[in-house]
N, C-alpha and C. Protein backbone atom coordinates (compact mmCIF):
# COMPACT_ATOMS: atom_id res chain seq x y z
N MET A 1 0.53 15.84 29.36
CA MET A 1 0.92 14.72 28.55
C MET A 1 2.22 15.07 27.84
N ARG A 2 3.16 14.14 27.87
CA ARG A 2 4.48 14.37 27.28
C ARG A 2 4.76 13.39 26.14
N ILE A 3 5.55 13.85 25.19
CA ILE A 3 5.99 12.99 24.10
C ILE A 3 7.09 12.09 24.65
N ILE A 4 7.03 10.81 24.30
CA ILE A 4 7.88 9.79 24.93
C ILE A 4 9.28 9.70 24.34
N ALA A 5 9.39 9.78 23.00
CA ALA A 5 10.70 9.55 22.38
C ALA A 5 10.88 10.43 21.15
N GLY A 6 12.09 10.44 20.64
CA GLY A 6 12.39 11.17 19.41
C GLY A 6 12.85 12.60 19.65
N THR A 7 12.81 13.40 18.60
CA THR A 7 13.34 14.76 18.66
C THR A 7 12.52 15.68 19.57
N LEU A 8 11.27 15.32 19.83
CA LEU A 8 10.41 16.14 20.69
C LEU A 8 10.24 15.52 22.08
N ARG A 9 11.04 14.54 22.39
CA ARG A 9 10.94 13.82 23.66
C ARG A 9 10.88 14.79 24.85
N GLY A 10 9.92 14.51 25.75
CA GLY A 10 9.78 15.28 26.97
C GLY A 10 8.95 16.55 26.80
N ARG A 11 8.66 16.95 25.56
CA ARG A 11 7.85 18.15 25.32
C ARG A 11 6.40 17.86 25.68
N SER A 12 5.71 18.86 26.20
CA SER A 12 4.32 18.71 26.64
C SER A 12 3.34 19.03 25.53
N LEU A 13 2.20 18.32 25.57
CA LEU A 13 1.08 18.60 24.68
C LEU A 13 -0.08 19.12 25.52
N LYS A 14 -0.73 20.16 25.02
CA LYS A 14 -1.97 20.61 25.66
C LYS A 14 -3.06 19.62 25.31
N THR A 15 -3.95 19.38 26.27
CA THR A 15 -5.08 18.49 26.03
C THR A 15 -6.37 19.21 26.41
N THR A 16 -7.48 18.61 26.05
CA THR A 16 -8.78 19.16 26.38
C THR A 16 -9.66 18.05 26.94
N VAL A 17 -10.84 18.39 27.36
CA VAL A 17 -11.79 17.39 27.85
C VAL A 17 -13.08 17.52 27.06
N GLY A 18 -13.83 16.44 27.01
CA GLY A 18 -15.10 16.43 26.32
C GLY A 18 -15.63 15.02 26.24
N PRO A 19 -16.87 14.85 25.82
CA PRO A 19 -17.47 13.52 25.74
C PRO A 19 -16.70 12.63 24.77
N GLY A 20 -16.36 11.43 25.22
CA GLY A 20 -15.66 10.48 24.38
C GLY A 20 -14.18 10.78 24.19
N TYR A 21 -13.68 11.83 24.82
CA TYR A 21 -12.30 12.26 24.64
C TYR A 21 -11.45 11.67 25.75
N ARG A 22 -10.41 10.92 25.39
CA ARG A 22 -9.50 10.34 26.38
C ARG A 22 -8.12 10.23 25.75
N PRO A 23 -7.20 11.06 26.17
CA PRO A 23 -5.84 11.01 25.60
C PRO A 23 -5.19 9.65 25.83
N ALA A 24 -4.41 9.20 24.87
CA ALA A 24 -3.71 7.92 24.99
C ALA A 24 -2.71 8.00 26.15
N MET A 25 -2.84 7.09 27.08
CA MET A 25 -1.96 7.05 28.25
C MET A 25 -0.52 6.78 27.80
N GLY A 26 0.44 7.33 28.54
CA GLY A 26 1.85 7.15 28.21
C GLY A 26 2.26 5.70 28.10
N LYS A 27 1.77 4.87 29.03
CA LYS A 27 2.11 3.44 29.02
C LYS A 27 1.61 2.77 27.74
N VAL A 28 0.40 3.12 27.32
CA VAL A 28 -0.18 2.53 26.12
C VAL A 28 0.57 3.03 24.88
N ARG A 29 0.86 4.33 24.82
CA ARG A 29 1.62 4.87 23.69
C ARG A 29 2.99 4.23 23.59
N ALA A 30 3.67 4.07 24.73
CA ALA A 30 5.00 3.45 24.72
C ALA A 30 4.92 2.02 24.18
N ALA A 31 3.94 1.27 24.64
CA ALA A 31 3.78 -0.12 24.18
C ALA A 31 3.44 -0.16 22.69
N LEU A 32 2.54 0.70 22.26
CA LEU A 32 2.14 0.75 20.85
C LEU A 32 3.34 1.06 19.95
N PHE A 33 4.09 2.09 20.28
CA PHE A 33 5.22 2.47 19.43
C PHE A 33 6.32 1.43 19.47
N SER A 34 6.46 0.73 20.57
CA SER A 34 7.41 -0.38 20.63
C SER A 34 6.98 -1.50 19.67
N MET A 35 5.67 -1.80 19.66
CA MET A 35 5.16 -2.82 18.74
C MET A 35 5.37 -2.40 17.29
N LEU A 36 5.12 -1.14 16.98
CA LEU A 36 5.29 -0.65 15.61
C LEU A 36 6.74 -0.73 15.17
N GLU A 37 7.64 -0.30 16.04
CA GLU A 37 9.05 -0.33 15.68
C GLU A 37 9.58 -1.75 15.56
N ALA A 38 9.03 -2.67 16.35
CA ALA A 38 9.42 -4.08 16.24
C ALA A 38 8.97 -4.67 14.90
N ARG A 39 7.98 -4.04 14.30
CA ARG A 39 7.47 -4.51 13.01
C ARG A 39 8.07 -3.74 11.84
N GLY A 40 9.13 -2.97 12.10
CA GLY A 40 9.92 -2.36 11.05
C GLY A 40 9.40 -1.07 10.44
N ILE A 41 8.63 -0.30 11.19
CA ILE A 41 8.17 1.00 10.66
C ILE A 41 9.39 1.84 10.29
N ASN A 42 9.39 2.37 9.10
CA ASN A 42 10.46 3.25 8.63
C ASN A 42 9.95 4.68 8.74
N TRP A 43 10.16 5.31 9.88
CA TRP A 43 9.56 6.61 10.17
C TRP A 43 9.79 7.67 9.10
N PRO A 44 11.01 7.87 8.59
CA PRO A 44 11.20 8.95 7.62
C PRO A 44 10.37 8.79 6.34
N LEU A 45 10.01 7.56 5.99
CA LEU A 45 9.21 7.33 4.78
C LEU A 45 7.72 7.15 5.10
N CYS A 46 7.36 7.28 6.36
CA CYS A 46 6.01 6.94 6.83
C CYS A 46 5.03 8.11 6.72
N ARG A 47 3.90 7.87 6.04
CA ARG A 47 2.76 8.79 6.03
C ARG A 47 1.76 8.24 7.04
N VAL A 48 1.31 9.10 7.95
CA VAL A 48 0.45 8.66 9.06
C VAL A 48 -0.89 9.39 9.01
N LEU A 49 -1.96 8.63 9.24
CA LEU A 49 -3.31 9.19 9.37
C LEU A 49 -3.75 8.95 10.80
N ASP A 50 -4.06 10.03 11.52
CA ASP A 50 -4.47 9.95 12.93
C ASP A 50 -5.96 10.32 13.01
N LEU A 51 -6.83 9.29 13.02
CA LEU A 51 -8.28 9.49 13.07
C LEU A 51 -8.74 9.63 14.51
N PHE A 52 -9.71 10.49 14.76
CA PHE A 52 -10.19 10.78 16.12
C PHE A 52 -8.97 11.23 16.93
N ALA A 53 -8.24 12.18 16.39
CA ALA A 53 -6.91 12.54 16.89
C ALA A 53 -6.89 13.12 18.30
N GLY A 54 -7.98 13.73 18.76
CA GLY A 54 -7.97 14.32 20.10
C GLY A 54 -6.92 15.41 20.21
N SER A 55 -5.98 15.23 21.10
CA SER A 55 -4.89 16.20 21.27
C SER A 55 -3.78 15.99 20.24
N GLY A 56 -3.86 14.87 19.52
CA GLY A 56 -2.84 14.56 18.53
C GLY A 56 -1.65 13.79 19.09
N SER A 57 -1.80 13.22 20.27
CA SER A 57 -0.65 12.57 20.93
C SER A 57 -0.03 11.47 20.09
N LEU A 58 -0.83 10.66 19.40
CA LEU A 58 -0.26 9.59 18.58
C LEU A 58 0.46 10.16 17.36
N GLY A 59 -0.16 11.11 16.70
CA GLY A 59 0.46 11.72 15.53
C GLY A 59 1.73 12.49 15.87
N PHE A 60 1.70 13.23 16.99
CA PHE A 60 2.91 13.97 17.39
C PHE A 60 4.02 13.02 17.81
N GLU A 61 3.67 11.90 18.42
CA GLU A 61 4.68 10.90 18.77
C GLU A 61 5.33 10.38 17.49
N ALA A 62 4.51 10.13 16.45
CA ALA A 62 5.05 9.66 15.17
C ALA A 62 5.95 10.73 14.54
N LEU A 63 5.51 11.99 14.58
CA LEU A 63 6.35 13.08 14.04
C LEU A 63 7.67 13.18 14.80
N SER A 64 7.62 13.04 16.11
CA SER A 64 8.83 13.12 16.93
C SER A 64 9.83 12.03 16.56
N ARG A 65 9.30 10.88 16.15
CA ARG A 65 10.17 9.75 15.79
C ARG A 65 10.62 9.83 14.34
N GLY A 66 10.16 10.86 13.60
CA GLY A 66 10.65 11.09 12.25
C GLY A 66 9.66 10.86 11.13
N ALA A 67 8.37 10.63 11.43
CA ALA A 67 7.38 10.44 10.36
C ALA A 67 7.42 11.62 9.41
N GLY A 68 7.37 11.34 8.14
CA GLY A 68 7.45 12.39 7.14
C GLY A 68 6.24 13.30 7.12
N GLU A 69 5.06 12.73 7.38
CA GLU A 69 3.83 13.51 7.31
C GLU A 69 2.76 12.86 8.18
N VAL A 70 1.98 13.68 8.88
CA VAL A 70 0.84 13.20 9.65
C VAL A 70 -0.37 14.04 9.30
N VAL A 71 -1.47 13.35 9.00
CA VAL A 71 -2.76 14.00 8.79
C VAL A 71 -3.60 13.71 10.02
N PHE A 72 -3.98 14.77 10.73
CA PHE A 72 -4.80 14.67 11.93
C PHE A 72 -6.26 14.91 11.54
N VAL A 73 -7.17 14.04 11.98
CA VAL A 73 -8.59 14.22 11.73
C VAL A 73 -9.29 14.25 13.08
N GLU A 74 -9.92 15.37 13.39
CA GLU A 74 -10.60 15.55 14.69
C GLU A 74 -11.84 16.42 14.48
N ALA A 75 -13.02 15.88 14.83
CA ALA A 75 -14.28 16.60 14.61
C ALA A 75 -14.57 17.66 15.66
N MET A 76 -14.07 17.47 16.88
CA MET A 76 -14.36 18.43 17.94
C MET A 76 -13.53 19.70 17.68
N PRO A 77 -14.19 20.84 17.38
CA PRO A 77 -13.45 22.06 17.00
C PRO A 77 -12.40 22.49 18.02
N LYS A 78 -12.72 22.40 19.30
CA LYS A 78 -11.76 22.81 20.33
C LYS A 78 -10.50 21.94 20.28
N ALA A 79 -10.69 20.63 20.10
CA ALA A 79 -9.55 19.71 20.04
C ALA A 79 -8.75 19.92 18.75
N ALA A 80 -9.44 20.13 17.62
CA ALA A 80 -8.75 20.37 16.35
C ALA A 80 -7.89 21.64 16.44
N ALA A 81 -8.43 22.67 17.06
CA ALA A 81 -7.65 23.91 17.25
C ALA A 81 -6.44 23.66 18.14
N LEU A 82 -6.62 22.81 19.14
CA LEU A 82 -5.53 22.47 20.05
C LEU A 82 -4.40 21.73 19.33
N ILE A 83 -4.75 20.89 18.37
CA ILE A 83 -3.72 20.20 17.58
C ILE A 83 -2.88 21.25 16.85
N GLY A 84 -3.54 22.24 16.28
CA GLY A 84 -2.81 23.32 15.60
C GLY A 84 -1.90 24.08 16.55
N GLU A 85 -2.41 24.36 17.75
CA GLU A 85 -1.59 25.04 18.76
C GLU A 85 -0.38 24.19 19.15
N ASN A 86 -0.63 22.89 19.34
CA ASN A 86 0.47 21.99 19.71
C ASN A 86 1.52 21.93 18.61
N ALA A 87 1.08 21.86 17.35
CA ALA A 87 2.03 21.82 16.23
C ALA A 87 2.88 23.08 16.20
N GLU A 88 2.24 24.21 16.41
CA GLU A 88 2.98 25.48 16.41
C GLU A 88 3.95 25.55 17.58
N LYS A 89 3.47 25.19 18.77
CA LYS A 89 4.31 25.23 19.98
C LYS A 89 5.52 24.29 19.84
N LEU A 90 5.32 23.15 19.18
CA LEU A 90 6.40 22.18 19.02
C LEU A 90 7.32 22.52 17.85
N GLY A 91 6.93 23.49 17.02
CA GLY A 91 7.74 23.87 15.88
C GLY A 91 7.69 22.88 14.73
N VAL A 92 6.57 22.17 14.60
CA VAL A 92 6.42 21.20 13.51
C VAL A 92 6.19 21.96 12.20
N GLU A 93 6.98 21.63 11.20
CA GLU A 93 6.85 22.29 9.90
C GLU A 93 5.45 22.05 9.34
N SER A 94 4.87 23.08 8.71
CA SER A 94 3.50 22.98 8.22
C SER A 94 3.32 21.87 7.18
N GLY A 95 4.32 21.56 6.41
CA GLY A 95 4.21 20.49 5.42
C GLY A 95 4.18 19.09 6.02
N ARG A 96 4.51 18.97 7.30
CA ARG A 96 4.52 17.65 7.94
C ARG A 96 3.26 17.37 8.74
N ALA A 97 2.48 18.39 9.06
CA ALA A 97 1.26 18.21 9.85
C ALA A 97 0.09 18.91 9.16
N HIS A 98 -0.96 18.15 8.89
CA HIS A 98 -2.17 18.67 8.26
C HIS A 98 -3.34 18.34 9.17
N ILE A 99 -4.22 19.30 9.40
CA ILE A 99 -5.33 19.10 10.34
C ILE A 99 -6.65 19.26 9.60
N PHE A 100 -7.51 18.25 9.75
CA PHE A 100 -8.87 18.30 9.20
C PHE A 100 -9.83 18.31 10.36
N ALA A 101 -10.56 19.42 10.52
CA ALA A 101 -11.56 19.54 11.59
C ALA A 101 -12.89 19.02 11.04
N GLU A 102 -12.94 17.70 10.86
CA GLU A 102 -14.11 17.05 10.27
C GLU A 102 -14.34 15.70 10.94
N GLU A 103 -15.54 15.17 10.72
CA GLU A 103 -15.85 13.81 11.17
C GLU A 103 -14.98 12.83 10.37
N ALA A 104 -14.46 11.81 11.04
CA ALA A 104 -13.61 10.82 10.38
C ALA A 104 -14.34 10.16 9.21
N GLY A 105 -15.63 9.83 9.41
CA GLY A 105 -16.40 9.17 8.36
C GLY A 105 -16.48 9.99 7.08
N LYS A 106 -16.62 11.30 7.21
CA LYS A 106 -16.68 12.17 6.03
C LYS A 106 -15.34 12.19 5.29
N VAL A 107 -14.27 12.27 6.05
CA VAL A 107 -12.94 12.27 5.43
C VAL A 107 -12.71 10.94 4.72
N LEU A 108 -13.04 9.83 5.37
CA LEU A 108 -12.78 8.51 4.80
C LEU A 108 -13.66 8.18 3.60
N ASN A 109 -14.75 8.89 3.42
CA ASN A 109 -15.60 8.66 2.26
C ASN A 109 -15.03 9.27 0.98
N ARG A 110 -13.98 10.06 1.12
CA ARG A 110 -13.27 10.59 -0.04
C ARG A 110 -12.07 9.67 -0.32
N ALA A 111 -11.60 9.71 -1.53
CA ALA A 111 -10.39 8.95 -1.86
C ALA A 111 -9.16 9.75 -1.41
N PRO A 112 -8.16 9.09 -0.85
CA PRO A 112 -6.95 9.81 -0.44
C PRO A 112 -6.11 10.18 -1.66
N ALA A 113 -5.33 11.24 -1.53
CA ALA A 113 -4.40 11.61 -2.60
C ALA A 113 -3.35 10.50 -2.76
N LYS A 114 -2.98 9.90 -1.64
CA LYS A 114 -1.97 8.84 -1.61
C LYS A 114 -2.27 8.00 -0.37
N PRO A 115 -2.12 6.66 -0.43
CA PRO A 115 -2.41 5.85 0.75
C PRO A 115 -1.42 6.10 1.90
N PHE A 116 -1.82 5.68 3.08
CA PHE A 116 -1.04 5.89 4.29
C PHE A 116 -0.35 4.60 4.72
N ASP A 117 0.83 4.76 5.30
CA ASP A 117 1.60 3.62 5.80
C ASP A 117 1.15 3.19 7.18
N LEU A 118 0.60 4.12 7.94
CA LEU A 118 0.15 3.84 9.30
C LEU A 118 -1.13 4.64 9.56
N ILE A 119 -2.16 3.94 10.03
CA ILE A 119 -3.42 4.61 10.34
C ILE A 119 -3.77 4.32 11.79
N PHE A 120 -3.91 5.38 12.58
CA PHE A 120 -4.37 5.27 13.96
C PHE A 120 -5.87 5.51 13.99
N ILE A 121 -6.61 4.61 14.65
CA ILE A 121 -8.05 4.79 14.85
C ILE A 121 -8.28 4.70 16.35
N ASP A 122 -8.70 5.80 16.95
CA ASP A 122 -8.94 5.84 18.40
C ASP A 122 -10.32 6.44 18.64
N PRO A 123 -11.38 5.68 18.23
CA PRO A 123 -12.73 6.24 18.31
C PRO A 123 -13.24 6.34 19.74
N PRO A 124 -14.20 7.24 19.97
CA PRO A 124 -14.82 7.29 21.30
C PRO A 124 -15.42 5.92 21.63
N TYR A 125 -15.29 5.52 22.87
CA TYR A 125 -15.83 4.23 23.30
C TYR A 125 -17.35 4.19 23.14
N ARG A 126 -17.87 3.00 22.93
CA ARG A 126 -19.30 2.69 22.88
C ARG A 126 -20.06 3.45 21.79
N ARG A 127 -19.37 3.81 20.70
CA ARG A 127 -20.06 4.49 19.60
C ARG A 127 -20.06 3.65 18.33
N ASN A 128 -19.44 2.47 18.38
CA ASN A 128 -19.42 1.53 17.25
C ASN A 128 -18.92 2.19 15.95
N LEU A 129 -17.82 2.89 16.02
CA LEU A 129 -17.28 3.58 14.85
C LEU A 129 -16.14 2.83 14.16
N LEU A 130 -15.62 1.78 14.79
CA LEU A 130 -14.48 1.08 14.21
C LEU A 130 -14.84 0.41 12.89
N VAL A 131 -15.91 -0.36 12.85
CA VAL A 131 -16.27 -1.09 11.63
C VAL A 131 -16.52 -0.15 10.45
N PRO A 132 -17.32 0.93 10.62
CA PRO A 132 -17.48 1.83 9.47
C PRO A 132 -16.15 2.44 9.00
N CYS A 133 -15.25 2.75 9.94
CA CYS A 133 -13.94 3.29 9.55
C CYS A 133 -13.14 2.26 8.75
N LEU A 134 -13.10 1.03 9.24
CA LEU A 134 -12.36 -0.01 8.53
C LEU A 134 -12.94 -0.24 7.14
N LYS A 135 -14.26 -0.26 7.02
CA LYS A 135 -14.90 -0.44 5.70
C LYS A 135 -14.45 0.65 4.74
N SER A 136 -14.49 1.90 5.18
CA SER A 136 -14.10 3.01 4.31
C SER A 136 -12.62 2.97 3.96
N ILE A 137 -11.79 2.65 4.95
CA ILE A 137 -10.34 2.57 4.71
C ILE A 137 -10.06 1.55 3.62
N LEU A 138 -10.69 0.39 3.70
CA LEU A 138 -10.44 -0.67 2.73
C LEU A 138 -11.10 -0.36 1.39
N ARG A 139 -12.32 0.15 1.39
CA ARG A 139 -13.04 0.43 0.15
C ARG A 139 -12.36 1.53 -0.66
N ARG A 140 -11.85 2.56 0.02
CA ARG A 140 -11.25 3.71 -0.66
C ARG A 140 -9.73 3.64 -0.77
N ASN A 141 -9.15 2.52 -0.33
CA ASN A 141 -7.69 2.31 -0.43
C ASN A 141 -6.88 3.36 0.32
N TRP A 142 -7.24 3.60 1.57
CA TRP A 142 -6.49 4.54 2.41
C TRP A 142 -5.19 3.92 2.93
N LEU A 143 -5.13 2.59 2.98
CA LEU A 143 -3.95 1.91 3.54
C LEU A 143 -3.02 1.44 2.44
N ALA A 144 -1.74 1.78 2.56
CA ALA A 144 -0.72 1.32 1.61
C ALA A 144 -0.59 -0.21 1.73
N PRO A 145 -0.14 -0.89 0.67
CA PRO A 145 -0.08 -2.36 0.68
C PRO A 145 0.63 -2.99 1.88
N ALA A 146 1.72 -2.43 2.36
CA ALA A 146 2.42 -3.00 3.52
C ALA A 146 2.11 -2.20 4.79
N GLY A 147 1.05 -1.39 4.74
CA GLY A 147 0.72 -0.51 5.85
C GLY A 147 0.13 -1.23 7.06
N ILE A 148 0.02 -0.49 8.14
CA ILE A 148 -0.50 -1.01 9.41
C ILE A 148 -1.64 -0.13 9.88
N ILE A 149 -2.71 -0.77 10.35
CA ILE A 149 -3.81 -0.08 11.01
C ILE A 149 -3.70 -0.38 12.50
N ASN A 150 -3.79 0.66 13.31
CA ASN A 150 -3.82 0.51 14.77
C ASN A 150 -5.17 1.00 15.26
N ALA A 151 -5.83 0.18 16.08
CA ALA A 151 -7.08 0.62 16.71
C ALA A 151 -6.92 0.51 18.22
N GLU A 152 -7.37 1.57 18.90
CA GLU A 152 -7.47 1.54 20.36
C GLU A 152 -8.95 1.53 20.69
N ILE A 153 -9.39 0.40 21.23
CA ILE A 153 -10.80 0.21 21.54
C ILE A 153 -10.93 -0.29 22.98
N GLU A 154 -12.16 -0.48 23.42
CA GLU A 154 -12.38 -0.95 24.79
C GLU A 154 -11.87 -2.38 24.96
N ALA A 155 -11.16 -2.62 26.05
CA ALA A 155 -10.72 -3.98 26.37
C ALA A 155 -11.95 -4.82 26.65
N GLY A 156 -11.87 -6.09 26.37
CA GLY A 156 -12.96 -6.99 26.68
C GLY A 156 -14.03 -7.09 25.61
N ILE A 157 -13.95 -6.27 24.58
CA ILE A 157 -14.94 -6.38 23.50
C ILE A 157 -14.68 -7.69 22.78
N SER A 158 -15.73 -8.48 22.62
CA SER A 158 -15.58 -9.72 21.86
C SER A 158 -15.87 -9.40 20.40
N TYR A 159 -14.84 -8.96 19.73
CA TYR A 159 -14.97 -8.50 18.36
C TYR A 159 -13.80 -9.04 17.56
N ASP A 160 -14.12 -9.69 16.46
CA ASP A 160 -13.09 -10.28 15.62
C ASP A 160 -13.22 -9.71 14.20
N PRO A 161 -12.56 -8.57 13.92
CA PRO A 161 -12.72 -7.93 12.62
C PRO A 161 -12.33 -8.81 11.44
N GLU A 162 -11.48 -9.80 11.65
CA GLU A 162 -11.06 -10.65 10.55
C GLU A 162 -12.24 -11.42 9.97
N GLN A 163 -13.29 -11.66 10.79
CA GLN A 163 -14.48 -12.34 10.26
C GLN A 163 -15.23 -11.42 9.32
N VAL A 164 -15.22 -10.12 9.60
CA VAL A 164 -15.90 -9.14 8.75
C VAL A 164 -14.99 -8.70 7.61
N PHE A 165 -13.69 -8.63 7.88
CA PHE A 165 -12.71 -8.14 6.92
C PHE A 165 -11.63 -9.20 6.69
N PRO A 166 -11.91 -10.19 5.85
CA PRO A 166 -10.92 -11.26 5.65
C PRO A 166 -9.62 -10.77 5.02
N GLU A 167 -9.62 -9.55 4.46
CA GLU A 167 -8.39 -9.02 3.87
C GLU A 167 -7.42 -8.48 4.92
N LEU A 168 -7.86 -8.43 6.20
CA LEU A 168 -6.99 -7.97 7.28
C LEU A 168 -6.44 -9.14 8.07
N SER A 169 -5.22 -8.98 8.53
CA SER A 169 -4.56 -9.98 9.37
C SER A 169 -4.08 -9.31 10.65
N VAL A 170 -4.43 -9.88 11.80
CA VAL A 170 -3.99 -9.34 13.09
C VAL A 170 -2.50 -9.63 13.27
N ILE A 171 -1.74 -8.58 13.61
CA ILE A 171 -0.32 -8.79 13.89
C ILE A 171 0.00 -8.53 15.37
N ALA A 172 -0.97 -7.95 16.11
CA ALA A 172 -0.82 -7.77 17.56
C ALA A 172 -2.20 -7.46 18.14
N ASP A 173 -2.44 -7.96 19.35
CA ASP A 173 -3.70 -7.71 20.04
C ASP A 173 -3.41 -7.79 21.53
N ARG A 174 -3.41 -6.63 22.20
CA ARG A 174 -3.02 -6.56 23.62
C ARG A 174 -4.02 -5.70 24.40
N ASP A 175 -4.22 -6.05 25.66
CA ASP A 175 -5.04 -5.25 26.57
C ASP A 175 -4.13 -4.51 27.55
N TYR A 176 -4.46 -3.24 27.79
CA TYR A 176 -3.76 -2.40 28.77
C TYR A 176 -4.84 -1.73 29.61
N GLY A 177 -5.19 -2.34 30.72
CA GLY A 177 -6.27 -1.80 31.54
C GLY A 177 -7.56 -1.84 30.76
N GLN A 178 -8.24 -0.68 30.59
CA GLN A 178 -9.50 -0.67 29.84
C GLN A 178 -9.31 -0.47 28.35
N THR A 179 -8.07 -0.44 27.88
CA THR A 179 -7.78 -0.20 26.47
C THR A 179 -7.25 -1.46 25.80
N ARG A 180 -7.79 -1.75 24.63
CA ARG A 180 -7.31 -2.85 23.80
C ARG A 180 -6.61 -2.23 22.58
N VAL A 181 -5.39 -2.64 22.31
CA VAL A 181 -4.62 -2.17 21.17
C VAL A 181 -4.51 -3.32 20.18
N VAL A 182 -5.00 -3.07 18.96
CA VAL A 182 -4.97 -4.08 17.90
C VAL A 182 -4.25 -3.51 16.69
N LEU A 183 -3.35 -4.29 16.12
CA LEU A 183 -2.66 -3.92 14.88
C LEU A 183 -3.04 -4.90 13.79
N TRP A 184 -3.37 -4.36 12.63
CA TRP A 184 -3.68 -5.19 11.46
C TRP A 184 -2.81 -4.76 10.30
N THR A 185 -2.64 -5.67 9.37
CA THR A 185 -2.04 -5.36 8.08
C THR A 185 -2.89 -6.07 7.03
N LEU A 186 -2.69 -5.73 5.78
CA LEU A 186 -3.43 -6.38 4.71
C LEU A 186 -2.86 -7.77 4.48
N MET A 187 -3.75 -8.74 4.21
CA MET A 187 -3.30 -10.09 3.87
C MET A 187 -2.54 -10.03 2.55
N GLU A 188 -1.50 -10.83 2.45
CA GLU A 188 -0.76 -10.90 1.19
C GLU A 188 -1.60 -11.65 0.19
N LYS A 189 -1.60 -11.15 -1.05
CA LYS A 189 -2.41 -11.78 -2.11
C LYS A 189 -1.61 -12.80 -2.85
């Protein structure tokens, strides 16, 4: 797997395998980052939370494009260690990448030191983890007021989070093969 754009463009990331683990395909990452940039993401000022980080491909892509800080959350110890290896191999400064080898739900049940501008949620398929994550993100104020939440879930799911979370507004919803990419932001008050 290679980083698509930015200062680390073309550099490889090590990946691993395991149940529920599926690295974000290059085509999906390219489309996602194009959508984010079209919506005015200011990478140098951006704090990113990468939940269910896996190999860290989304977080490293954000760092490559200039994100100021990425917090990676990955419960699988082998994958969390791999994120650390990838950060070292890529020469990412320690202050820009933080790794939590914990379940996303446990991390989200704590209050953040500071809210995030961009939150990636890429839960294992068929485990129904999106709704609990969104509840915790909103309840504990993990998302900055103008921030964006990105979820990569199974395509074809008939799920409308806005009915459960009226404070969220869909700004993009696209299918790429078996993957559905949804972007939300907070409704303006």
